[in-house]
Amino acid sequence: MNDAPRRLPPDMDRASAAMILGCQPRQVGFCVRCRGLTVRYGAHAKLICPWCHWKETATQKNGAKQD
């Protein structure tokens, strides 16, 4: 099962990205890792996008299972 969040490409319209992310278009900015779009400004700002966060936690979980 693949429940990964969708990576939002940097050329996506800010208004569309904001609808997907649940924020205002002025809060949308670039992920510092993949340069995709994420909530970069405001109360719920994050440096990395949901896709990169999911990828990081999935890698950590898989690494923990191998030990």
PDB file of N, CA and C in Angstrom:
ATOM      1  N   MET A   1       0.844  -1.179   0.000  1.00  0.00           N
ATOM      2  CA  MET A   1       0.000   0.000   0.000  1.00  0.00           C
ATOM      3  C   MET A   1       0.886   1.237   0.000  1.00  0.00           C
ATOM      4  N   ASN A   2       0.573   2.177  -0.863  1.00  0.00           N
ATOM      5  CA  ASN A   2       1.361   3.401  -0.968  1.00  0.00           C
ATOM      6  C   ASN A   2       0.501   4.577  -0.523  1.00  0.00           C
ATOM      7  N   ASP A   3       0.726   5.038   0.703  1.00  0.00           N
ATOM      8  CA  ASP A   3      -0.046   6.158   1.219  1.00  0.00           C
ATOM      9  C   ASP A   3       0.803   7.427   1.292  1.00  0.00           C
ATOM     10  N   ALA A   4       1.777   7.525   0.392  1.00  0.00           N
ATOM     11  CA  ALA A   4       2.669   8.683   0.360  1.00  0.00           C
ATOM     12  C   ALA A   4       1.918   9.929  -0.083  1.00  0.00           C
ATOM     13  N   PRO A   5       2.204  11.064   0.557  1.00  0.00           N
ATOM     14  CA  PRO A   5       1.609  12.309   0.069  1.00  0.00           C
ATOM     15  C   PRO A   5       2.166  12.663  -1.308  1.00  0.00           C
ATOM     16  N   ARG A   6       1.446  13.453  -2.016  1.00  0.00           N
ATOM     17  CA  ARG A   6       1.843  13.865  -3.362  1.00  0.00           C
ATOM     18  C   ARG A   6       2.869  14.987  -3.278  1.00  0.00           C
ATOM     19  N   ARG A   7       3.923  14.895  -4.080  1.00  0.00           N
ATOM     20  CA  ARG A   7       4.892  15.992  -4.190  1.00  0.00           C
ATOM     21  C   ARG A   7       4.310  17.027  -5.134  1.00  0.00           C
ATOM     22  N   LEU A   8       4.312  18.276  -4.702  1.00  0.00           N
ATOM     23  CA  LEU A   8       3.776  19.355  -5.523  1.00  0.00           C
ATOM     24  C   LEU A   8       4.928  20.018  -6.276  1.00  0.00           C
ATOM     25  N   PRO A   9       4.925  19.949  -7.609  1.00  0.00           N
ATOM     26  CA  PRO A   9       6.030  20.497  -8.397  1.00  0.00           C
ATOM     27  C   PRO A   9       6.128  22.014  -8.262  1.00  0.00           C
ATOM     28  N   PRO A  10       7.342  22.545  -8.393  1.00  0.00           N
ATOM     29  CA  PRO A  10       7.548  23.983  -8.213  1.00  0.00           C
ATOM     30  C   PRO A  10       6.845  24.859  -9.248  1.00  0.00           C
ATOM     31  N   ASP A  11       6.471  24.292 -10.376  1.00  0.00           N
ATOM     32  CA  ASP A  11       5.790  25.091 -11.393  1.00  0.00           C
ATOM     33  C   ASP A  11       4.264  25.064 -11.257  1.00  0.00           C
ATOM     34  N   MET A  12       3.772  24.393 -10.218  1.00  0.00           N
ATOM     35  CA  MET A  12       2.329  24.356  -9.974  1.00  0.00           C
ATOM     36  C   MET A  12       1.825  25.735  -9.559  1.00  0.00           C
ATOM     37  N   ASP A  13       0.620  26.057  -9.958  1.00  0.00           N
ATOM     38  CA  ASP A  13      -0.020  27.307  -9.579  1.00  0.00           C
ATOM     39  C   ASP A  13      -0.132  27.385  -8.050  1.00  0.00           C
ATOM     40  N   ARG A  14       0.249  28.534  -7.478  1.00  0.00           N
ATOM     41  CA  ARG A  14       0.244  28.703  -6.010  1.00  0.00           C
ATOM     42  C   ARG A  14      -1.148  28.539  -5.415  1.00  0.00           C
ATOM     43  N   ALA A  15      -2.172  29.004  -6.098  1.00  0.00           N
ATOM     44  CA  ALA A  15      -3.537  28.875  -5.584  1.00  0.00           C
ATOM     45  C   ALA A  15      -3.954  27.402  -5.512  1.00  0.00           C
ATOM     46  N   SER A  16      -3.592  26.629  -6.521  1.00  0.00           N
ATOM     47  CA  SER A  16      -3.901  25.195  -6.521  1.00  0.00           C
ATOM     48  C   SER A  16      -3.142  24.476  -5.421  1.00  0.00           C
ATOM     49  N   ALA A  17      -1.867  24.800  -5.272  1.00  0.00           N
ATOM     50  CA  ALA A  17      -1.059  24.192  -4.215  1.00  0.00           C
ATOM     51  C   ALA A  17      -1.620  24.539  -2.840  1.00  0.00           C
ATOM     52  N   ALA A  18      -2.051  25.776  -2.665  1.00  0.00           N
ATOM     53  CA  ALA A  18      -2.617  26.199  -1.385  1.00  0.00           C
ATOM     54  C   ALA A  18      -3.889  25.418  -1.064  1.00  0.00           C
ATOM     55  N   MET A  19      -4.707  25.147  -2.053  1.00  0.00           N
ATOM     56  CA  MET A  19      -5.924  24.355  -1.827  1.00  0.00           C
ATOM     57  C   MET A  19      -5.570  22.951  -1.363  1.00  0.00           C
ATOM     58  N   ILE A  20      -4.575  22.345  -1.976  1.00  0.00           N
ATOM     59  CA  ILE A  20      -4.150  20.994  -1.611  1.00  0.00           C
ATOM     60  C   ILE A  20      -3.534  20.984  -0.210  1.00  0.00           C
ATOM     61  N   LEU A  21      -2.730  22.006   0.083  1.00  0.00           N
ATOM     62  CA  LEU A  21      -2.020  22.075   1.369  1.00  0.00           C
ATOM     63  C   LEU A  21      -2.884  22.611   2.504  1.00  0.00           C
ATOM     64  N   GLY A  22      -4.003  23.224   2.168  1.00  0.00           N
ATOM     65  CA  GLY A  22      -4.884  23.764   3.186  1.00  0.00           C
ATOM     66  C   GLY A  22      -4.383  25.061   3.800  1.00  0.00           C
ATOM     67  N   CYS A  23      -3.843  25.932   2.959  1.00  0.00           N
ATOM     68  CA  CYS A  23      -3.320  27.210   3.432  1.00  0.00           C
ATOM     69  C   CYS A  23      -3.659  28.309   2.424  1.00  0.00           C
ATOM     70  N   GLN A  24      -3.170  29.501   2.665  1.00  0.00           N
ATOM     71  CA  GLN A  24      -3.356  30.623   1.750  1.00  0.00           C
ATOM     72  C   GLN A  24      -2.231  30.618   0.701  1.00  0.00           C
ATOM     73  N   PRO A  25      -2.493  31.086  -0.512  1.00  0.00           N
ATOM     74  CA  PRO A  25      -1.439  31.112  -1.538  1.00  0.00           C
ATOM     75  C   PRO A  25      -0.180  31.863  -1.094  1.00  0.00           C
ATOM     76  N   ARG A  26      -0.335  32.893  -0.280  1.00  0.00           N
ATOM     77  CA  ARG A  26       0.837  33.652   0.173  1.00  0.00           C
ATOM     78  C   ARG A  26       1.711  32.853   1.148  1.00  0.00           C
ATOM     79  N   GLN A  27       1.219  31.733   1.667  1.00  0.00           N
ATOM     80  CA  GLN A  27       1.979  30.900   2.602  1.00  0.00           C
ATOM     81  C   GLN A  27       2.773  29.800   1.895  1.00  0.00           C
ATOM     82  N   VAL A  28       2.576  29.651   0.609  1.00  0.00           N
ATOM     83  CA  VAL A  28       3.238  28.590  -0.161  1.00  0.00           C
ATOM     84  C   VAL A  28       4.656  29.018  -0.529  1.00  0.00           C
ATOM     85  N   GLY A  29       5.604  28.096  -0.354  1.00  0.00           N
ATOM     86  CA  GLY A  29       6.992  28.335  -0.728  1.00  0.00           C
ATOM     87  C   GLY A  29       7.662  27.023  -1.079  1.00  0.00           C
ATOM     88  N   PHE A  30       8.964  27.056  -1.273  1.00  0.00           N
ATOM     89  CA  PHE A  30       9.711  25.879  -1.714  1.00  0.00           C
ATOM     90  C   PHE A  30      10.216  25.032  -0.556  1.00  0.00           C
ATOM     91  N   CYS A  31      10.140  23.723  -0.718  1.00  0.00           N
ATOM     92  CA  CYS A  31      10.745  22.766   0.209  1.00  0.00           C
ATOM     93  C   CYS A  31      12.259  22.895   0.086  1.00  0.00           C
ATOM     94  N   VAL A  32      12.973  22.891   1.200  1.00  0.00           N
ATOM     95  CA  VAL A  32      14.424  23.058   1.149  1.00  0.00           C
ATOM     96  C   VAL A  32      15.147  21.817   0.623  1.00  0.00           C
ATOM     97  N   ARG A  33      14.481  20.678   0.608  1.00  0.00           N
ATOM     98  CA  ARG A  33      15.115  19.449   0.121  1.00  0.00           C
ATOM     99  C   ARG A  33      14.846  19.183  -1.354  1.00  0.00           C
ATOM    100  N   CYS A  34      13.576  19.180  -1.747  1.00  0.00           N
ATOM    101  CA  CYS A  34      13.242  18.772  -3.122  1.00  0.00           C
ATOM    102  C   CYS A  34      12.793  19.924  -4.006  1.00  0.00           C
ATOM    103  N   ARG A  35      12.661  21.111  -3.441  1.00  0.00           N
ATOM    104  CA  ARG A  35      12.205  22.304  -4.151  1.00  0.00           C
ATOM    105  C   ARG A  35      10.750  22.207  -4.615  1.00  0.00           C
ATOM    106  N   GLY A  36      10.009  21.215  -4.109  1.00  0.00           N
ATOM    107  CA  GLY A  36       8.577  21.155  -4.349  1.00  0.00           C
ATOM    108  C   GLY A  36       7.893  22.218  -3.495  1.00  0.00           C
ATOM    109  N   LEU A  37       6.591  22.364  -3.646  1.00  0.00           N
ATOM    110  CA  LEU A  37       5.870  23.384  -2.895  1.00  0.00           C
ATOM    111  C   LEU A  37       5.369  22.836  -1.561  1.00  0.00           C
ATOM    112  N   THR A  38       5.395  23.694  -0.548  1.00  0.00           N
ATOM    113  CA  THR A  38       4.910  23.348   0.785  1.00  0.00           C
ATOM    114  C   THR A  38       4.462  24.612   1.503  1.00  0.00           C
ATOM    115  N   VAL A  39       3.943  24.460   2.706  1.00  0.00           N
ATOM    116  CA  VAL A  39       3.563  25.610   3.535  1.00  0.00           C
ATOM    117  C   VAL A  39       4.847  26.128   4.190  1.00  0.00           C
ATOM    118  N   ARG A  40       5.379  27.223   3.691  1.00  0.00           N
ATOM    119  CA  ARG A  40       6.635  27.768   4.195  1.00  0.00           C
ATOM    120  C   ARG A  40       6.454  28.971   5.103  1.00  0.00           C
ATOM    121  N   TYR A  41       5.304  29.584   5.089  1.00  0.00           N
ATOM    122  CA  TYR A  41       5.088  30.813   5.860  1.00  0.00           C
ATOM    123  C   TYR A  41       3.799  30.693   6.657  1.00  0.00           C
ATOM    124  N   GLY A  42       3.756  31.339   7.808  1.00  0.00           N
ATOM    125  CA  GLY A  42       2.555  31.334   8.631  1.00  0.00           C
ATOM    126  C   GLY A  42       2.697  30.411   9.836  1.00  0.00           C
ATOM    127  N   ALA A  43       1.577  30.196  10.502  1.00  0.00           N
ATOM    128  CA  ALA A  43       1.566  29.450  11.765  1.00  0.00           C
ATOM    129  C   ALA A  43       1.968  27.980  11.605  1.00  0.00           C
ATOM    130  N   HIS A  44       1.677  27.367  10.465  1.00  0.00           N
ATOM    131  CA  HIS A  44       1.964  25.941  10.266  1.00  0.00           C
ATOM    132  C   HIS A  44       3.112  25.713   9.283  1.00  0.00           C
ATOM    133  N   ALA A  45       4.046  26.640   9.245  1.00  0.00           N
ATOM    134  CA  ALA A  45       5.155  26.574   8.294  1.00  0.00           C
ATOM    135  C   ALA A  45       6.083  25.403   8.594  1.00  0.00           C
ATOM    136  N   LYS A  46       6.582  24.789   7.545  1.00  0.00           N
ATOM    137  CA  LYS A  46       7.533  23.678   7.628  1.00  0.00           C
ATOM    138  C   LYS A  46       8.658  23.916   6.629  1.00  0.00           C
ATOM    139  N   LEU A  47       9.860  23.486   6.970  1.00  0.00           N
ATOM    140  CA  LEU A  47      10.983  23.611   6.042  1.00  0.00           C
ATOM    141  C   LEU A  47      10.920  22.580   4.931  1.00  0.00           C
ATOM    142  N   ILE A  48      10.392  21.394   5.246  1.00  0.00           N
ATOM    143  CA  ILE A  48      10.308  20.350   4.222  1.00  0.00           C
ATOM    144  C   ILE A  48       8.841  20.034   3.939  1.00  0.00           C
ATOM    145  N   CYS A  49       8.585  19.562   2.741  1.00  0.00           N
ATOM    146  CA  CYS A  49       7.220  19.271   2.314  1.00  0.00           C
ATOM    147  C   CYS A  49       6.742  17.943   2.908  1.00  0.00           C
ATOM    148  N   PRO A  50       5.433  17.706   2.881  1.00  0.00           N
ATOM    149  CA  PRO A  50       4.906  16.440   3.409  1.00  0.00           C
ATOM    150  C   PRO A  50       5.506  15.210   2.727  1.00  0.00           C
ATOM    151  N   TRP A  51       5.790  15.306   1.430  1.00  0.00           N
ATOM    152  CA  TRP A  51       6.377  14.171   0.712  1.00  0.00           C
ATOM    153  C   TRP A  51       7.769  13.845   1.243  1.00  0.00           C
ATOM    154  N   CYS A  52       8.623  14.868   1.444  1.00  0.00           N
ATOM    155  CA  CYS A  52       9.967  14.641   1.985  1.00  0.00           C
ATOM    156  C   CYS A  52       9.897  14.124   3.420  1.00  0.00           C
ATOM    157  N   HIS A  53       8.957  14.653   4.197  1.00  0.00           N
ATOM    158  CA  HIS A  53       8.789  14.178   5.579  1.00  0.00           C
ATOM    159  C   HIS A  53       8.373  12.707   5.584  1.00  0.00           C
ATOM    160  N   TRP A  54       7.437  12.348   4.723  1.00  0.00           N
ATOM    161  CA  TRP A  54       6.996  10.957   4.623  1.00  0.00           C
ATOM    162  C   TRP A  54       8.162  10.050   4.212  1.00  0.00           C
ATOM    163  N   LYS A  55       8.933  10.503   3.237  1.00  0.00           N
ATOM    164  CA  LYS A  55      10.067   9.729   2.754  1.00  0.00           C
ATOM    165  C   LYS A  55      11.090   9.505   3.869  1.00  0.00           C
ATOM    166  N   GLU A  56      11.342  10.555   4.649  1.00  0.00           N
ATOM    167  CA  GLU A  56      12.295  10.471   5.755  1.00  0.00           C
ATOM    168  C   GLU A  56      11.820   9.486   6.822  1.00  0.00           C
ATOM    169  N   THR A  57      10.558   9.570   7.211  1.00  0.00           N
ATOM    170  CA  THR A  57      10.049   8.670   8.247  1.00  0.00           C
ATOM    171  C   THR A  57       9.956   7.237   7.736  1.00  0.00           C
ATOM    172  N   ALA A  58       9.616   7.048   6.465  1.00  0.00           N
ATOM    173  CA  ALA A  58       9.561   5.702   5.900  1.00  0.00           C
ATOM    174  C   ALA A  58      10.954   5.074   5.885  1.00  0.00           C
ATOM    175  N   THR A  59      11.963   5.863   5.555  1.00  0.00           N
ATOM    176  CA  THR A  59      13.344   5.377   5.545  1.00  0.00           C
ATOM    177  C   THR A  59      13.786   5.014   6.952  1.00  0.00           C
ATOM    178  N   GLN A  60      13.440   5.836   7.936  1.00  0.00           N
ATOM    179  CA  GLN A  60      13.809   5.563   9.332  1.00  0.00           C
ATOM    180  C   GLN A  60      13.124   4.294   9.813  1.00  0.00           C
ATOM    181  N   LYS A  61      11.853   4.108   9.474  1.00  0.00           N
ATOM    182  CA  LYS A  61      11.135   2.901   9.895  1.00  0.00           C
ATOM    183  C   LYS A  61      11.747   1.661   9.265  1.00  0.00           C
ATOM    184  N   ASN A  62      12.079   1.743   7.981  1.00  0.00           N
ATOM    185  CA  ASN A  62      12.688   0.598   7.298  1.00  0.00           C
ATOM    186  C   ASN A  62      14.067   0.301   7.863  1.00  0.00           C
ATOM    187  N   GLY A  63      14.820   1.334   8.216  1.00  0.00           N
ATOM    188  CA  GLY A  63      16.135   1.153   8.814  1.00  0.00           C
ATOM    189  C   GLY A  63      16.037   0.497  10.179  1.00  0.00           C
ATOM    190  N   ALA A  64      15.037   0.861  10.947  1.00  0.00           N
ATOM    191  CA  ALA A  64      14.845   0.286  12.286  1.00  0.00           C
ATOM    192  C   ALA A  64      14.452  -1.184  12.182  1.00  0.00           C
ATOM    193  N   LYS A  65      13.694  -1.558  11.138  1.00  0.00           N
ATOM    194  CA  LYS A  65      13.282  -2.949  10.972  1.00  0.00           C
ATOM    195  C   LYS A  65      14.459  -3.839  10.584  1.00  0.00           C
ATOM    196  N   GLN A  66      15.454  -3.276   9.892  1.00  0.00           N
ATOM    197  CA  GLN A  66      16.578  -4.081   9.440  1.00  0.00           C
ATOM    198  C   GLN A  66      17.553  -4.389  10.563  1.00  0.00           C
ATOM    199  N   ASP A  67      17.583  -3.583  11.605  1.00  0.00           N
ATOM    200  CA  ASP A  67      18.534  -3.803  12.706  1.00  0.00           C
ATOM    201  C   ASP A  67      18.159  -4.988  13.559  1.00  0.00           C
TER     202      ASP A  67
END
